[in-house]
Structures are given as structure tokens and as C-alpha cells.
Amino acid sequence: MTEDSVLILKARQGDITAFEAIYNKYKTQVYRTAMGLVRNADVADEILQDCFVRVHANLDKLDGERGLAPWLHRVTVNLCYTYLARNRTNAECLDDLAEALPCGPTSSPEGLTLRAELQAAIQEGLDRLEFAHKTVVVLYYLQGLTVEEIAYTLQCPVGTVKSRLFYAREALRAHLAPYYAAEPMGTRAVAAA
């Protein structure tokens, strides 16, 4: 029996501490996924709350043996999609993704300027991606999920995830080409854009 299974079982029996443990274990992942997709802290907080309200409401249906992370990511992505479909507004900066990219020293004035330019370019590049492509980028690079985990989370074939990731990388590679003239985008850290 997995840790998630034990916590779900206890939470089903009314153990508030077990539900709190589930929340504490997954809140950062859910928030980062939401923030990566909607890029608005207030909305990400609302999605975090809505996601765990759904966990509580569906305790009797959850399968802890598979782990809660894929189910939570799927719920989070769906909540983000619903929000974005209803509210077509510009989102805030995605600092986490830019932090994952190598761009030289950031303590010098030049490094700080380059970091700010890169963050703006990443935001613009992500804004141009279709939601499906943006979702796989966030789940793969910010959450560190494997292609198989993303496929399970999004309930689509592994090939579809690979295709979306490929086309997202290509679009971002073209958009960020001035920043990576000398570097290949083959690794996870570099391809984080």
C-alpha cells in the first residue's frame, strides 16, 4: 500500500490530519502547474483551492496506488483551461521557467539585463503557443514529469505528447534563437524554453 493510499484511506474516514498531509505533499506541484499555465498568482491560488476541494469531494473515487500526482495535474490543467477559456487576458511573468535556463552570470548588470530580456522573450514565446503545447512544456520542464506521466495526466497517447513537445520546442527555439545562437537545445535544462 502506497503512502497516498494510506492517506486517502484515513482521509475517507474523516482524518483531517491525513487530508492536510495530502495537501502539504502536493500543494507546491499544483500551484506551480497552475502558475505556469495561467501566470497569475491570485488565479493560481484559486485553482489550488479548487483542486483540493475536488480531492476532498472525490476521496471515495481516488486510487492512491497510482499516486495522486497525475490526477491532480489533470484536474489542475482542466481548471486552468477553463479559466483561460473564460478570461482571455495577458498573464504575469513566468519567472520559474526563465530561472531554469542558462544565460550566464546574473550578478553583473549585463547578466541582469540579459535575464530580464530572456524572461520577456520566454513569456512572449509561451503566449504564442497553443494551450495544448504550453501545457506539455509546463508539465515537462517545470514539473519534471516524464512523457509517459504527461500522457497519463492528459489522457492522450505518448506519441501525442511527444509531438506537442516537439512542436512547442520548435516554436520556442525559433522565437528564442537570438539567445541561443551558439547553444543546442537538446537537453532538458537548455530546452526548458
Protein backbone atom coordinates (compact mmCIF):
# COMPACT_ATOMS: atom_id res chain seq x y z
CA MET A 1 0.00 0.00 0.00
CA THR A 2 1.47 3.36 -1.03
CA GLU A 3 1.72 6.43 1.18
CA ASP A 4 -1.01 8.08 -0.91
CA SER A 5 -3.29 5.07 -0.45
CA VAL A 6 -2.87 5.19 3.31
CA LEU A 7 -3.54 8.93 3.41
CA ILE A 8 -6.61 8.62 1.19
CA LEU A 9 -7.99 5.80 3.31
CA LYS A 10 -7.50 7.81 6.50
CA ALA A 11 -8.97 10.96 4.91
CA ARG A 12 -12.03 8.94 3.80
CA GLN A 13 -12.52 8.03 7.45
CA GLY A 14 -12.55 11.71 8.40
CA ASP A 15 -8.93 12.11 9.47
CA ILE A 16 -8.24 15.82 8.91
CA THR A 17 -4.52 15.32 9.54
CA ALA A 18 -4.35 12.86 6.64
CA PHE A 19 -6.07 15.29 4.29
CA GLU A 20 -3.71 18.03 5.46
CA ALA A 21 -0.77 15.71 4.70
CA ILE A 22 -2.10 15.19 1.16
CA TYR A 23 -2.44 18.95 0.75
CA ASN A 24 1.06 19.65 2.08
CA LYS A 25 2.58 16.94 -0.12
CA TYR A 26 1.07 18.21 -3.38
CA LYS A 27 0.27 21.92 -2.94
CA THR A 28 3.55 23.12 -4.46
CA GLN A 29 3.20 20.93 -7.55
CA VAL A 30 -0.39 22.02 -8.13
CA TYR A 31 0.45 25.68 -7.61
CA ARG A 32 3.49 25.57 -9.93
CA THR A 33 1.46 23.88 -12.66
CA ALA A 34 -1.32 26.44 -12.32
CA MET A 35 1.12 29.34 -12.19
CA GLY A 36 2.96 28.02 -15.23
CA LEU A 37 -0.26 27.92 -17.22
CA VAL A 38 -2.22 30.96 -16.04
CA ARG A 39 0.75 33.04 -14.80
CA ASN A 40 -1.32 34.91 -12.28
CA ALA A 41 -0.69 34.30 -8.57
CA ASP A 42 -4.25 35.05 -7.44
CA VAL A 43 -5.76 32.75 -10.05
CA ALA A 44 -3.18 30.05 -9.28
CA ASP A 45 -4.20 30.25 -5.60
CA GLU A 46 -7.87 29.86 -6.56
CA ILE A 47 -7.06 26.89 -8.77
CA LEU A 48 -5.05 25.36 -5.92
CA GLN A 49 -8.04 25.67 -3.61
CA ASP A 50 -10.49 24.37 -6.22
CA CYS A 51 -8.24 21.40 -6.92
CA PHE A 52 -8.16 20.33 -3.28
CA VAL A 53 -11.88 20.90 -2.88
CA ARG A 54 -12.22 18.36 -5.69
CA VAL A 55 -9.80 16.00 -3.94
CA HIS A 56 -11.96 16.14 -0.82
CA ALA A 57 -15.17 15.69 -2.80
CA ASN A 58 -13.75 12.68 -4.65
CA LEU A 59 -11.90 10.87 -1.85
CA ASP A 60 -14.09 7.81 -2.31
CA LYS A 61 -13.16 7.60 -6.02
CA LEU A 62 -9.40 8.21 -5.80
CA ASP A 63 -6.92 5.40 -6.37
CA GLY A 64 -3.85 6.04 -4.25
CA GLU A 65 -1.96 3.10 -5.72
CA ARG A 66 -1.32 5.08 -8.91
CA GLY A 67 -0.37 8.14 -6.88
CA LEU A 68 -2.31 11.35 -6.70
CA ALA A 69 0.08 13.47 -8.78
CA PRO A 70 -1.24 12.52 -12.25
CA TRP A 71 -4.87 13.02 -11.18
CA LEU A 72 -4.04 16.34 -9.51
CA HIS A 73 -2.17 17.56 -12.60
CA ARG A 74 -5.11 16.60 -14.82
CA VAL A 75 -7.57 18.45 -12.58
CA THR A 76 -5.22 21.45 -12.41
CA VAL A 77 -4.78 21.57 -16.19
CA ASN A 78 -8.54 21.33 -16.69
CA LEU A 79 -9.19 24.13 -14.20
CA CYS A 80 -6.55 26.28 -15.92
CA TYR A 81 -8.03 25.57 -19.33
CA THR A 82 -11.48 26.56 -18.09
CA TYR A 83 -10.12 29.76 -16.57
CA LEU A 84 -8.17 30.71 -19.70
CA ALA A 85 -11.11 29.96 -21.98
CA ARG A 86 -13.28 32.31 -19.92
CA ASN A 87 -10.67 35.01 -19.34
CA ARG A 88 -8.55 35.88 -22.33
CA THR A 89 -6.19 38.29 -20.55
CA ASN A 90 -2.47 38.84 -20.51
CA ALA A 91 -0.76 36.89 -17.77
CA GLU A 92 2.08 37.83 -15.46
CA CYS A 93 5.72 36.92 -15.98
CA LEU A 94 6.82 33.28 -15.81
CA ASP A 95 9.96 33.69 -13.73
CA ASP A 96 10.37 29.99 -12.89
CA LEU A 97 10.93 28.97 -16.50
CA ALA A 98 13.50 31.68 -17.11
CA GLU A 99 15.29 30.66 -13.92
CA ALA A 100 15.72 27.16 -15.35
CA LEU A 101 17.53 28.49 -18.41
CA PRO A 102 21.28 29.00 -18.52
CA CYS A 103 22.15 32.52 -19.60
CA GLY A 104 25.46 33.28 -17.98
CA PRO A 105 26.19 35.21 -14.83
CA THR A 106 23.28 37.19 -13.47
CA SER A 107 25.09 39.26 -10.85
CA SER A 108 26.56 41.70 -13.35
CA PRO A 109 24.42 44.47 -14.84
CA GLU A 110 24.76 42.81 -18.26
CA GLY A 111 23.67 39.47 -16.82
CA LEU A 112 20.66 41.01 -15.11
CA THR A 113 19.66 42.78 -18.31
CA LEU A 114 20.03 39.58 -20.31
CA ARG A 115 17.93 37.68 -17.73
CA ALA A 116 15.14 40.30 -17.95
CA GLU A 117 15.21 40.22 -21.76
CA LEU A 118 15.12 36.43 -21.73
CA GLN A 119 12.17 36.35 -19.32
CA ALA A 120 10.24 38.72 -21.58
CA ALA A 121 11.11 36.63 -24.65
CA ILE A 122 10.03 33.42 -22.91
CA GLN A 123 6.76 34.98 -21.82
CA GLU A 124 6.08 36.17 -25.35
CA GLY A 125 7.04 32.78 -26.80
CA LEU A 126 4.81 30.90 -24.37
CA ASP A 127 1.93 33.28 -25.03
CA ARG A 128 2.15 32.36 -28.72
CA LEU A 129 1.87 28.61 -28.04
CA GLU A 130 -1.44 26.78 -28.26
CA PHE A 131 -2.74 25.72 -24.82
CA ALA A 132 -2.01 22.02 -25.52
CA HIS A 133 1.62 22.79 -26.37
CA LYS A 134 2.05 25.16 -23.44
CA THR A 135 0.62 22.51 -21.10
CA VAL A 136 3.19 19.88 -22.06
CA VAL A 137 6.01 22.43 -21.75
CA VAL A 138 4.91 23.35 -18.22
CA LEU A 139 4.40 19.74 -17.12
CA TYR A 140 7.68 18.56 -18.68
CA TYR A 141 10.03 21.38 -17.78
CA LEU A 142 8.54 22.99 -14.67
CA GLN A 143 7.10 19.87 -13.05
CA GLY A 144 9.69 17.41 -14.36
CA LEU A 145 7.10 14.84 -15.45
CA THR A 146 8.11 12.19 -17.95
CA VAL A 147 6.42 11.95 -21.34
CA GLU A 148 4.57 8.86 -20.10
CA GLU A 149 3.34 10.66 -16.96
CA ILE A 150 2.13 13.58 -19.08
CA ALA A 151 0.29 11.19 -21.40
CA TYR A 152 -1.44 9.60 -18.42
CA THR A 153 -2.22 13.00 -16.90
CA LEU A 154 -3.67 14.42 -20.11
CA GLN A 155 -5.27 11.11 -21.12
CA CYS A 156 -3.68 11.08 -24.55
CA PRO A 157 -1.18 8.82 -26.35
CA VAL A 158 2.54 9.14 -25.62
CA GLY A 159 3.08 9.99 -29.30
CA THR A 160 0.74 12.97 -28.98
CA VAL A 161 2.72 14.30 -26.02
CA LYS A 162 6.00 13.83 -27.91
CA SER A 163 4.55 15.62 -30.92
CA ARG A 164 3.26 18.53 -28.86
CA LEU A 165 6.59 18.81 -27.06
CA PHE A 166 8.45 18.74 -30.38
CA TYR A 167 6.32 21.47 -31.95
CA ALA A 168 6.44 23.59 -28.80
CA ARG A 169 10.24 23.29 -28.72
CA GLU A 170 10.46 24.21 -32.39
CA ALA A 171 8.27 27.27 -31.90
CA LEU A 172 10.19 28.37 -28.83
CA ARG A 173 13.55 27.59 -30.46
CA ALA A 174 12.65 29.88 -33.36
CA HIS A 175 11.40 32.58 -31.03
CA LEU A 176 14.43 32.39 -28.73
CA ALA A 177 17.05 31.89 -31.46
CA PRO A 178 18.82 35.20 -30.72
CA TYR A 179 19.53 33.97 -27.17
CA TYR A 180 20.81 30.55 -28.20
CA ALA A 181 22.82 31.21 -31.33
CA ALA A 182 25.70 29.10 -30.07
CA GLU A 183 23.89 26.52 -27.92
CA PRO A 184 21.97 23.40 -28.99
CA MET A 185 18.54 22.86 -27.42
CA GLY A 186 18.81 19.12 -26.90
CA THR A 187 18.90 18.92 -23.11
CA ARG A 188 16.12 19.37 -20.61
CA ALA A 189 17.74 22.42 -18.98
CA VAL A 190 18.51 24.23 -22.22
CA ALA A 191 15.29 23.19 -23.92
CA ALA A 192 13.31 24.50 -20.99
CA ALA A 193 12.19 27.19 -23.34
